C-alpha atoms as a PDB file:
ATOM      1  CA  UNK A   1       2.936  20.396  62.004  1.00  0.00           C
ATOM      2  CA  UNK A   2       4.086  22.232  59.057  1.00  0.00           C
ATOM      3  CA  UNK A   3       1.446  24.824  59.883  1.00  0.00           C
ATOM      4  CA  UNK A   4       3.141  24.880  62.871  1.00  0.00           C
ATOM      5  CA  UNK A   5       6.839  25.056  62.294  1.00  0.00           C
ATOM      6  CA  UNK A   6       5.630  28.186  59.897  1.00  0.00           C
ATOM      7  CA  UNK A   7       3.662  29.918  62.811  1.00  0.00           C
ATOM      8  CA  UNK A   8       7.068  29.465  64.822  1.00  0.00           C
ATOM      9  CA  UNK A   9       9.017  30.722  62.084  1.00  0.00           C
ATOM     10  CA  UNK A  10       6.929  33.644  61.746  1.00  0.00           C
ATOM     11  CA  UNK A  11       7.296  34.625  65.367  1.00  0.00           C
ATOM     12  CA  UNK A  12      11.467  34.128  65.329  1.00  0.00           C
ATOM     13  CA  UNK A  13      11.382  36.771  62.003  1.00  0.00           C
ATOM     14  CA  UNK A  14       8.994  39.464  64.147  1.00  0.00           C
ATOM     15  CA  UNK A  15      11.472  39.117  67.334  1.00  0.00           C
ATOM     16  CA  UNK A  16      14.793  39.352  65.288  1.00  0.00           C
ATOM     17  CA  UNK A  17      13.434  42.689  63.381  1.00  0.00           C
ATOM     18  CA  UNK A  18      14.123  45.942  64.858  1.00  0.00           C
ATOM     19  CA  UNK A  19      11.507  48.197  65.987  1.00  0.00           C
ATOM     20  CA  UNK A  20      11.590  51.390  64.063  1.00  0.00           C
ATOM     21  CA  UNK A  21      10.696  53.858  66.219  1.00  0.00           C
ATOM     22  CA  UNK A  22      13.373  52.643  68.953  1.00  0.00           C
ATOM     23  CA  UNK A  23      15.794  52.710  66.157  1.00  0.00           C
ATOM     24  CA  UNK A  24      15.045  56.255  65.584  1.00  0.00           C
ATOM     25  CA  UNK A  25      15.594  56.608  69.398  1.00  0.00           C
ATOM     26  CA  UNK A  26      18.714  55.117  69.435  1.00  0.00           C
ATOM     27  CA  UNK A  27      20.522  57.269  66.336  1.00  0.00           C
ATOM     28  CA  UNK A  28      20.992  60.571  67.431  1.00  0.00           C
ATOM     29  CA  UNK A  29      20.155  62.571  64.733  1.00  0.00           C
ATOM     30  CA  UNK A  30      23.316  64.697  63.515  1.00  0.00           C
ATOM     31  CA  UNK A  31      23.200  68.193  63.024  1.00  0.00           C
ATOM     32  CA  UNK A  32      23.922  69.999  59.735  1.00  0.00           C
ATOM     33  CA  UNK A  33      27.056  71.150  58.582  1.00  0.00           C
ATOM     34  CA  UNK A  34      26.024  74.811  58.731  1.00  0.00           C
ATOM     35  CA  UNK A  35      25.192  74.189  62.198  1.00  0.00           C
ATOM     36  CA  UNK A  36      28.294  73.345  63.393  1.00  0.00           C
ATOM     37  CA  UNK A  37      29.968  75.528  61.650  1.00  0.00           C
ATOM     38  CA  UNK A  38      27.621  78.703  63.285  1.00  0.00           C
ATOM     39  CA  UNK A  39      28.087  77.350  66.767  1.00  0.00           C
ATOM     40  CA  UNK A  40      31.981  76.744  66.007  1.00  0.00           C
ATOM     41  CA  UNK A  41      32.198  80.880  64.356  1.00  0.00           C
ATOM     42  CA  UNK A  42      30.344  81.544  67.823  1.00  0.00           C
ATOM     43  CA  UNK A  43      32.438  79.431  69.936  1.00  0.00           C
ATOM     44  CA  UNK A  44      35.357  81.370  68.698  1.00  0.00           C
ATOM     45  CA  UNK A  45      34.293  85.063  68.832  1.00  0.00           C
ATOM     46  CA  UNK A  46      33.305  84.151  72.895  1.00  0.00           C
ATOM     47  CA  UNK A  47      36.256  83.410  73.278  1.00  0.00           C
ATOM     48  CA  UNK A  48      38.109  86.838  71.616  1.00  0.00           C
ATOM     49  CA  UNK A  49      35.523  88.290  73.897  1.00  0.00           C
ATOM     50  CA  UNK A  50      36.966  86.939  76.436  1.00  0.00           C
ATOM     51  CA  UNK A  51      40.498  87.526  75.915  1.00  0.00           C
ATOM     52  CA  UNK A  52      39.518  91.216  75.390  1.00  0.00           C
ATOM     53  CA  UNK A  53      38.035  91.610  78.587  1.00  0.00           C
ATOM     54  CA  UNK A  54      41.166  90.060  80.256  1.00  0.00           C
ATOM     55  CA  UNK A  55      43.649  92.026  78.253  1.00  0.00           C
ATOM     56  CA  UNK A  56      42.005  95.404  79.332  1.00  0.00           C
ATOM     57  CA  UNK A  57      41.307  94.185  83.100  1.00  0.00           C
ATOM     58  CA  UNK A  58      45.258  93.690  83.532  1.00  0.00           C
ATOM     59  CA  UNK A  59      45.886  97.551  82.335  1.00  0.00           C
ATOM     60  CA  UNK A  60      46.543  99.966  85.048  1.00  0.00           C
ATOM     61  CA  UNK A  61      44.558 103.189  84.587  1.00  0.00           C
ATOM     62  CA  UNK A  62      47.904 105.289  83.309  1.00  0.00           C
ATOM     63  CA  UNK A  63      48.421 102.551  80.581  1.00  0.00           C
ATOM     64  CA  UNK A  64      48.908 103.909  77.679  1.00  0.00           C
ATOM     65  CA  UNK A  65      46.318 102.212  74.576  1.00  0.00           C
ATOM     66  CA  UNK A  66      45.927 102.696  71.242  1.00  0.00           C
ATOM     67  CA  UNK A  67      41.883 103.600  71.384  1.00  0.00           C
ATOM     68  CA  UNK A  68      41.825 102.120  67.746  1.00  0.00           C
ATOM     69  CA  UNK A  69      42.421  98.847  68.974  1.00  0.00           C
ATOM     70  CA  UNK A  70      40.833  99.696  71.781  1.00  0.00           C
ATOM     71  CA  UNK A  71      37.882 100.668  70.866  1.00  0.00           C
ATOM     72  CA  UNK A  72      35.092 100.890  67.635  1.00  0.00           C
ATOM     73  CA  UNK A  73      33.178 104.141  67.266  1.00  0.00           C
ATOM     74  CA  UNK A  74      34.928 107.183  66.694  1.00  0.00           C
ATOM     75  CA  UNK A  75      36.251 108.511  63.641  1.00  0.00           C
ATOM     76  CA  UNK A  76      40.383 109.825  63.005  1.00  0.00           C
ATOM     77  CA  UNK A  77      41.914 112.528  61.028  1.00  0.00           C
ATOM     78  CA  UNK A  78      45.471 112.678  62.667  1.00  0.00           C
ATOM     79  CA  UNK A  79      46.925 116.215  61.586  1.00  0.00           C
ATOM     80  CA  UNK A  80      50.073 115.968  62.941  1.00  0.00           C
ATOM     81  CA  UNK A  81      50.867 112.671  60.539  1.00  0.00           C
ATOM     82  CA  UNK A  82      49.983 114.477  57.590  1.00  0.00           C
ATOM     83  CA  UNK A  83      51.203 117.781  56.555  1.00  0.00           C
ATOM     84  CA  UNK A  84      47.882 119.524  57.187  1.00  0.00           C
ATOM     85  CA  UNK A  85      48.673 121.366  60.507  1.00  0.00           C
ATOM     86  CA  UNK A  86      50.138 124.449  61.632  1.00  0.00           C
ATOM     87  CA  UNK A  87      53.855 123.324  61.410  1.00  0.00           C
ATOM     88  CA  UNK A  88      53.562 122.332  57.489  1.00  0.00           C
ATOM     89  CA  UNK A  89      54.604 118.534  57.749  1.00  0.00           C
ATOM     90  CA  UNK A  90      54.199 115.038  59.253  1.00  0.00           C
ATOM     91  CA  UNK A  91      55.659 115.069  62.257  1.00  0.00           C
ATOM     92  CA  UNK A  92      54.357 111.709  64.058  1.00  0.00           C
ATOM     93  CA  UNK A  93      55.388 108.304  61.709  1.00  0.00           C
ATOM     94  CA  UNK A  94      51.708 106.575  61.401  1.00  0.00           C
ATOM     95  CA  UNK A  95      48.232 107.959  62.584  1.00  0.00           C
ATOM     96  CA  UNK A  96      47.953 106.136  65.971  1.00  0.00           C
ATOM     97  CA  UNK A  97      46.061 107.636  68.891  1.00  0.00           C
ATOM     98  CA  UNK A  98      47.057 107.015  72.133  1.00  0.00           C
ATOM     99  CA  UNK A  99      45.884 108.019  75.532  1.00  0.00           C
ATOM    100  CA  UNK A 100      45.681 106.533  78.861  1.00  0.00           C
ATOM    101  CA  UNK A 101      43.427 104.111  79.964  1.00  0.00           C
ATOM    102  CA  UNK A 102      41.331 105.939  81.846  1.00  0.00           C
ATOM    103  CA  UNK A 103      40.869 108.699  79.722  1.00  0.00           C
ATOM    104  CA  UNK A 104      40.208 106.100  77.048  1.00  0.00           C
ATOM    105  CA  UNK A 105      36.852 104.081  79.421  1.00  0.00           C
ATOM    106  CA  UNK A 106      35.849 108.238  79.957  1.00  0.00           C
ATOM    107  CA  UNK A 107      35.596 109.287  75.975  1.00  0.00           C
ATOM    108  CA  UNK A 108      34.010 106.131  75.137  1.00  0.00           C
ATOM    109  CA  UNK A 109      31.571 106.755  77.805  1.00  0.00           C
ATOM    110  CA  UNK A 110      31.477 110.418  76.113  1.00  0.00           C
ATOM    111  CA  UNK A 111      30.806 108.648  72.596  1.00  0.00           C
ATOM    112  CA  UNK A 112      27.934 106.465  73.874  1.00  0.00           C
ATOM    113  CA  UNK A 113      26.236 110.027  74.635  1.00  0.00           C
ATOM    114  CA  UNK A 114      26.550 111.284  71.886  1.00  0.00           C
ATOM    115  CA  UNK A 115      25.315 108.873  69.190  1.00  0.00           C
ATOM    116  CA  UNK A 116      22.413 108.253  71.077  1.00  0.00           C
ATOM    117  CA  UNK A 117      21.802 111.254  69.553  1.00  0.00           C
ATOM    118  CA  UNK A 118      23.341 110.677  66.051  1.00  0.00           C
ATOM    119  CA  UNK A 119      26.978 112.460  66.610  1.00  0.00           C
ATOM    120  CA  UNK A 120      30.145 110.347  67.280  1.00  0.00           C
ATOM    121  CA  UNK A 121      33.785 111.588  67.984  1.00  0.00           C
ATOM    122  CA  UNK A 122      36.950 112.867  65.207  1.00  0.00           C
ATOM    123  CA  UNK A 123      40.180 112.878  66.709  1.00  0.00           C
ATOM    124  CA  UNK A 124      42.610 115.024  65.297  1.00  0.00           C
ATOM    125  CA  UNK A 125      45.119 114.714  68.180  1.00  0.00           C
ATOM    126  CA  UNK A 126      46.008 112.411  71.250  1.00  0.00           C
ATOM    127  CA  UNK A 127      49.419 111.543  72.624  1.00  0.00           C
ATOM    128  CA  UNK A 128      52.439 113.986  71.589  1.00  0.00           C
ATOM    129  CA  UNK A 129      55.609 113.683  72.283  1.00  0.00           C
ATOM    130  CA  UNK A 130      57.534 115.815  74.203  1.00  0.00           C
ATOM    131  CA  UNK A 131      59.706 116.269  71.162  1.00  0.00           C
ATOM    132  CA  UNK A 132      56.774 117.477  68.586  1.00  0.00           C
ATOM    133  CA  UNK A 133      56.123 119.876  71.401  1.00  0.00           C
ATOM    134  CA  UNK A 134      59.117 121.815  71.133  1.00  0.00           C
ATOM    135  CA  UNK A 135      59.264 121.994  67.693  1.00  0.00           C
ATOM    136  CA  UNK A 136      55.327 123.875  68.210  1.00  0.00           C
ATOM    137  CA  UNK A 137      56.798 126.039  70.463  1.00  0.00           C
ATOM    138  CA  UNK A 138      59.693 127.169  68.704  1.00  0.00           C
ATOM    139  CA  UNK A 139      57.030 127.862  65.539  1.00  0.00           C
ATOM    140  CA  UNK A 140      55.083 129.482  67.899  1.00  0.00           C
ATOM    141  CA  UNK A 141      55.715 130.110  71.010  1.00  0.00           C
ATOM    142  CA  UNK A 142      52.278 131.868  72.776  1.00  0.00           C
ATOM    143  CA  UNK A 143      51.157 130.109  75.656  1.00  0.00           C
ATOM    144  CA  UNK A 144      47.450 130.631  75.537  1.00  0.00           C
ATOM    145  CA  UNK A 145      47.507 128.407  72.135  1.00  0.00           C
ATOM    146  CA  UNK A 146      50.937 126.291  72.320  1.00  0.00           C
ATOM    147  CA  UNK A 147      52.155 124.443  75.962  1.00  0.00           C
ATOM    148  CA  UNK A 148      55.880 125.423  76.997  1.00  0.00           C
ATOM    149  CA  UNK A 149      57.116 122.619  77.363  1.00  0.00           C
ATOM    150  CA  UNK A 150      60.258 123.667  79.165  1.00  0.00           C
ATOM    151  CA  UNK A 151      57.804 124.919  82.478  1.00  0.00           C
ATOM    152  CA  UNK A 152      54.757 122.581  82.493  1.00  0.00           C
ATOM    153  CA  UNK A 153      54.376 120.969  79.591  1.00  0.00           C
ATOM    154  CA  UNK A 154      50.907 120.300  77.632  1.00  0.00           C
ATOM    155  CA  UNK A 155      48.582 117.727  78.874  1.00  0.00           C
ATOM    156  CA  UNK A 156      48.788 116.174  75.053  1.00  0.00           C
ATOM    157  CA  UNK A 157      52.187 114.973  76.217  1.00  0.00           C
ATOM    158  CA  UNK A 158      50.759 113.440  79.439  1.00  0.00           C
ATOM    159  CA  UNK A 159      48.588 111.290  77.363  1.00  0.00           C
ATOM    160  CA  UNK A 160      45.491 112.569  78.899  1.00  0.00           C
ATOM    161  CA  UNK A 161      43.985 115.838  76.265  1.00  0.00           C
ATOM    162  CA  UNK A 162      42.751 114.918  73.390  1.00  0.00           C
ATOM    163  CA  UNK A 163      41.437 117.700  70.215  1.00  0.00           C
ATOM    164  CA  UNK A 164      38.126 116.420  68.528  1.00  0.00           C
ATOM    165  CA  UNK A 165      35.713 117.651  66.533  1.00  0.00           C
ATOM    166  CA  UNK A 166      31.919 115.714  65.902  1.00  0.00           C
ATOM    167  CA  UNK A 167      30.165 114.234  63.141  1.00  0.00           C
ATOM    168  CA  UNK A 168      27.149 112.767  62.178  1.00  0.00           C
ATOM    169  CA  UNK A 169      26.831 108.781  61.869  1.00  0.00           C
ATOM    170  CA  UNK A 170      27.345 108.889  58.342  1.00  0.00           C
ATOM    171  CA  UNK A 171      30.804 111.043  58.540  1.00  0.00           C
ATOM    172  CA  UNK A 172      30.009 114.910  58.042  1.00  0.00           C
ATOM    173  CA  UNK A 173      31.423 116.419  60.127  1.00  0.00           C
ATOM    174  CA  UNK A 174      29.934 119.335  62.178  1.00  0.00           C
ATOM    175  CA  UNK A 175      30.411 123.553  61.119  1.00  0.00           C
ATOM    176  CA  UNK A 176      32.059 124.069  64.472  1.00  0.00           C
ATOM    177  CA  UNK A 177      33.593 127.948  63.275  1.00  0.00           C
ATOM    178  CA  UNK A 178      37.027 128.285  62.055  1.00  0.00           C
ATOM    179  CA  UNK A 179      38.773 124.663  61.539  1.00  0.00           C
ATOM    180  CA  UNK A 180      41.557 123.315  64.164  1.00  0.00           C
ATOM    181  CA  UNK A 181      44.570 124.960  65.389  1.00  0.00           C
ATOM    182  CA  UNK A 182      43.099 128.315  64.022  1.00  0.00           C
ATOM    183  CA  UNK A 183      45.135 130.570  67.126  1.00  0.00           C
ATOM    184  CA  UNK A 184      42.501 133.201  67.176  1.00  0.00           C
ATOM    185  CA  UNK A 185      39.213 134.670  68.803  1.00  0.00           C
ATOM    186  CA  UNK A 186      36.814 133.368  66.740  1.00  0.00           C
ATOM    187  CA  UNK A 187      38.390 128.933  67.901  1.00  0.00           C
ATOM    188  CA  UNK A 188      37.689 130.997  71.603  1.00  0.00           C
ATOM    189  CA  UNK A 189      34.898 129.588  73.840  1.00  0.00           C
ATOM    190  CA  UNK A 190      33.328 132.923  74.569  1.00  0.00           C
ATOM    191  CA  UNK A 191      32.803 133.860  70.811  1.00  0.00           C
ATOM    192  CA  UNK A 192      29.197 134.338  70.352  1.00  0.00           C
ATOM    193  CA  UNK A 193      29.001 136.054  67.101  1.00  0.00           C
ATOM    194  CA  UNK A 194      28.520 132.751  65.395  1.00  0.00           C
ATOM    195  CA  UNK A 195      26.056 131.433  63.554  1.00  0.00           C
ATOM    196  CA  UNK A 196      23.394 129.514  65.792  1.00  0.00           C
ATOM    197  CA  UNK A 197      24.544 125.874  64.433  1.00  0.00           C
ATOM    198  CA  UNK A 198      27.983 126.411  64.951  1.00  0.00           C
ATOM    199  CA  UNK A 199      27.877 127.839  68.736  1.00  0.00           C
ATOM    200  CA  UNK A 200      24.751 124.953  69.442  1.00  0.00           C
ATOM    201  CA  UNK A 201      27.472 122.177  67.953  1.00  0.00           C
ATOM    202  CA  UNK A 202      29.749 124.013  70.004  1.00  0.00           C
ATOM    203  CA  UNK A 203      28.372 123.685  72.814  1.00  0.00           C
ATOM    204  CA  UNK A 204      26.852 119.865  72.569  1.00  0.00           C
ATOM    205  CA  UNK A 205      30.947 118.681  72.451  1.00  0.00           C
ATOM    206  CA  UNK A 206      31.622 121.201  75.682  1.00  0.00           C
ATOM    207  CA  UNK A 207      28.614 119.376  77.856  1.00  0.00           C
ATOM    208  CA  UNK A 208      28.942 115.826  76.631  1.00  0.00           C
ATOM    209  CA  UNK A 209      32.711 116.006  77.186  1.00  0.00           C
ATOM    210  CA  UNK A 210      32.496 118.256  80.909  1.00  0.00           C
ATOM    211  CA  UNK A 211      29.963 115.685  81.617  1.00  0.00           C
ATOM    212  CA  UNK A 212      32.074 112.784  81.612  1.00  0.00           C
ATOM    213  CA  UNK A 213      34.932 114.032  83.500  1.00  0.00           C
ATOM    214  CA  UNK A 214      36.767 116.559  80.594  1.00  0.00           C
ATOM    215  CA  UNK A 215      37.672 120.245  81.019  1.00  0.00           C
ATOM    216  CA  UNK A 216      37.655 122.648  78.042  1.00  0.00           C
ATOM    217  CA  UNK A 217      40.320 125.414  77.857  1.00  0.00           C
ATOM    218  CA  UNK A 218      38.986 128.890  76.323  1.00  0.00           C
ATOM    219  CA  UNK A 219      41.058 129.836  73.627  1.00  0.00           C
ATOM    220  CA  UNK A 220      40.578 126.329  71.651  1.00  0.00           C
ATOM    221  CA  UNK A 221      37.244 124.164  70.789  1.00  0.00           C
ATOM    222  CA  UNK A 222      38.733 121.379  70.019  1.00  0.00           C
ATOM    223  CA  UNK A 223      40.931 120.770  73.358  1.00  0.00           C
ATOM    224  CA  UNK A 224      39.633 118.346  75.939  1.00  0.00           C
ATOM    225  CA  UNK A 225      41.848 117.733  79.010  1.00  0.00           C
ATOM    226  CA  UNK A 226      41.239 114.912  81.537  1.00  0.00           C
ATOM    227  CA  UNK A 227      40.689 115.392  84.968  1.00  0.00           C
ATOM    228  CA  UNK A 228      43.001 113.759  86.443  1.00  0.00           C
ATOM    229  CA  UNK A 229      45.820 115.390  83.859  1.00  0.00           C
ATOM    230  CA  UNK A 230      48.197 116.665  86.496  1.00  0.00           C
ATOM    231  CA  UNK A 231      48.976 112.517  87.959  1.00  0.00           C
ATOM    232  CA  UNK A 232      50.959 111.798  85.199  1.00  0.00           C
ATOM    233  CA  UNK A 233      54.567 113.240  84.336  1.00  0.00           C
ATOM    234  CA  UNK A 234      55.411 114.605  80.429  1.00  0.00           C
ATOM    235  CA  UNK A 235      55.947 111.105  77.895  1.00  0.00           C
ATOM    236  CA  UNK A 236      58.334 111.120  75.120  1.00  0.00           C
ATOM    237  CA  UNK A 237      58.302 108.278  73.870  1.00  0.00           C
ATOM    238  CA  UNK A 238      58.034 107.180  70.222  1.00  0.00           C
ATOM    239  CA  UNK A 239      55.191 106.091  68.306  1.00  0.00           C
ATOM    240  CA  UNK A 240      55.039 101.768  67.705  1.00  0.00           C
ATOM    241  CA  UNK A 241      53.139 101.448  64.434  1.00  0.00           C
ATOM    242  CA  UNK A 242      50.863  99.171  64.120  1.00  0.00           C
ATOM    243  CA  UNK A 243      51.285  98.063  67.647  1.00  0.00           C
END
């Protein structure tokens, strides 16, 4: 009788003990803390990217954009935000590069082509208020180099021109034969009494820009205007630094 009772008790104990395998399957494995952080960070980054894409899609082609905030991969030395220019004084309150959206997109395309070859675009000037153009004209009233603000004005005033050079991906500026804003024949595209490396550097810049919708002017190796430049009226709004 005692044996029978012990057998029944053993069976009851075994029936009430949970199966280890079943227990493991019903309790899901919890992710490690660092995995949760990484996943959350990835989701936040994706949301930021989506937000930027949506914001860009809302812009018109004619909208002004701040290129430093709009795209990565460029270099900047905004001359008129310093005294290192032919005016010999700072005429921009901050070193912002503003251009029309369609111009920005074309610059991104040109820069990608250059990066594939180990180079990138470096900016000296972008949008220029009409008042600054007038100050330039007073100092150097020569339409070969400075557009007359009283007639056609500059393509810079329209947000559709840039003054640029090239540098390698380590930040070393390529030799273009003259300084920026050198007003003389040595800066002309037709001037060939220069080292082969300089001519090759100028040609690389010119070809790349023209392949992406820009046009050069004869007297300045650094100046490029976008093809739809005359769609826009000259502007004179002041820079909103940091916007």
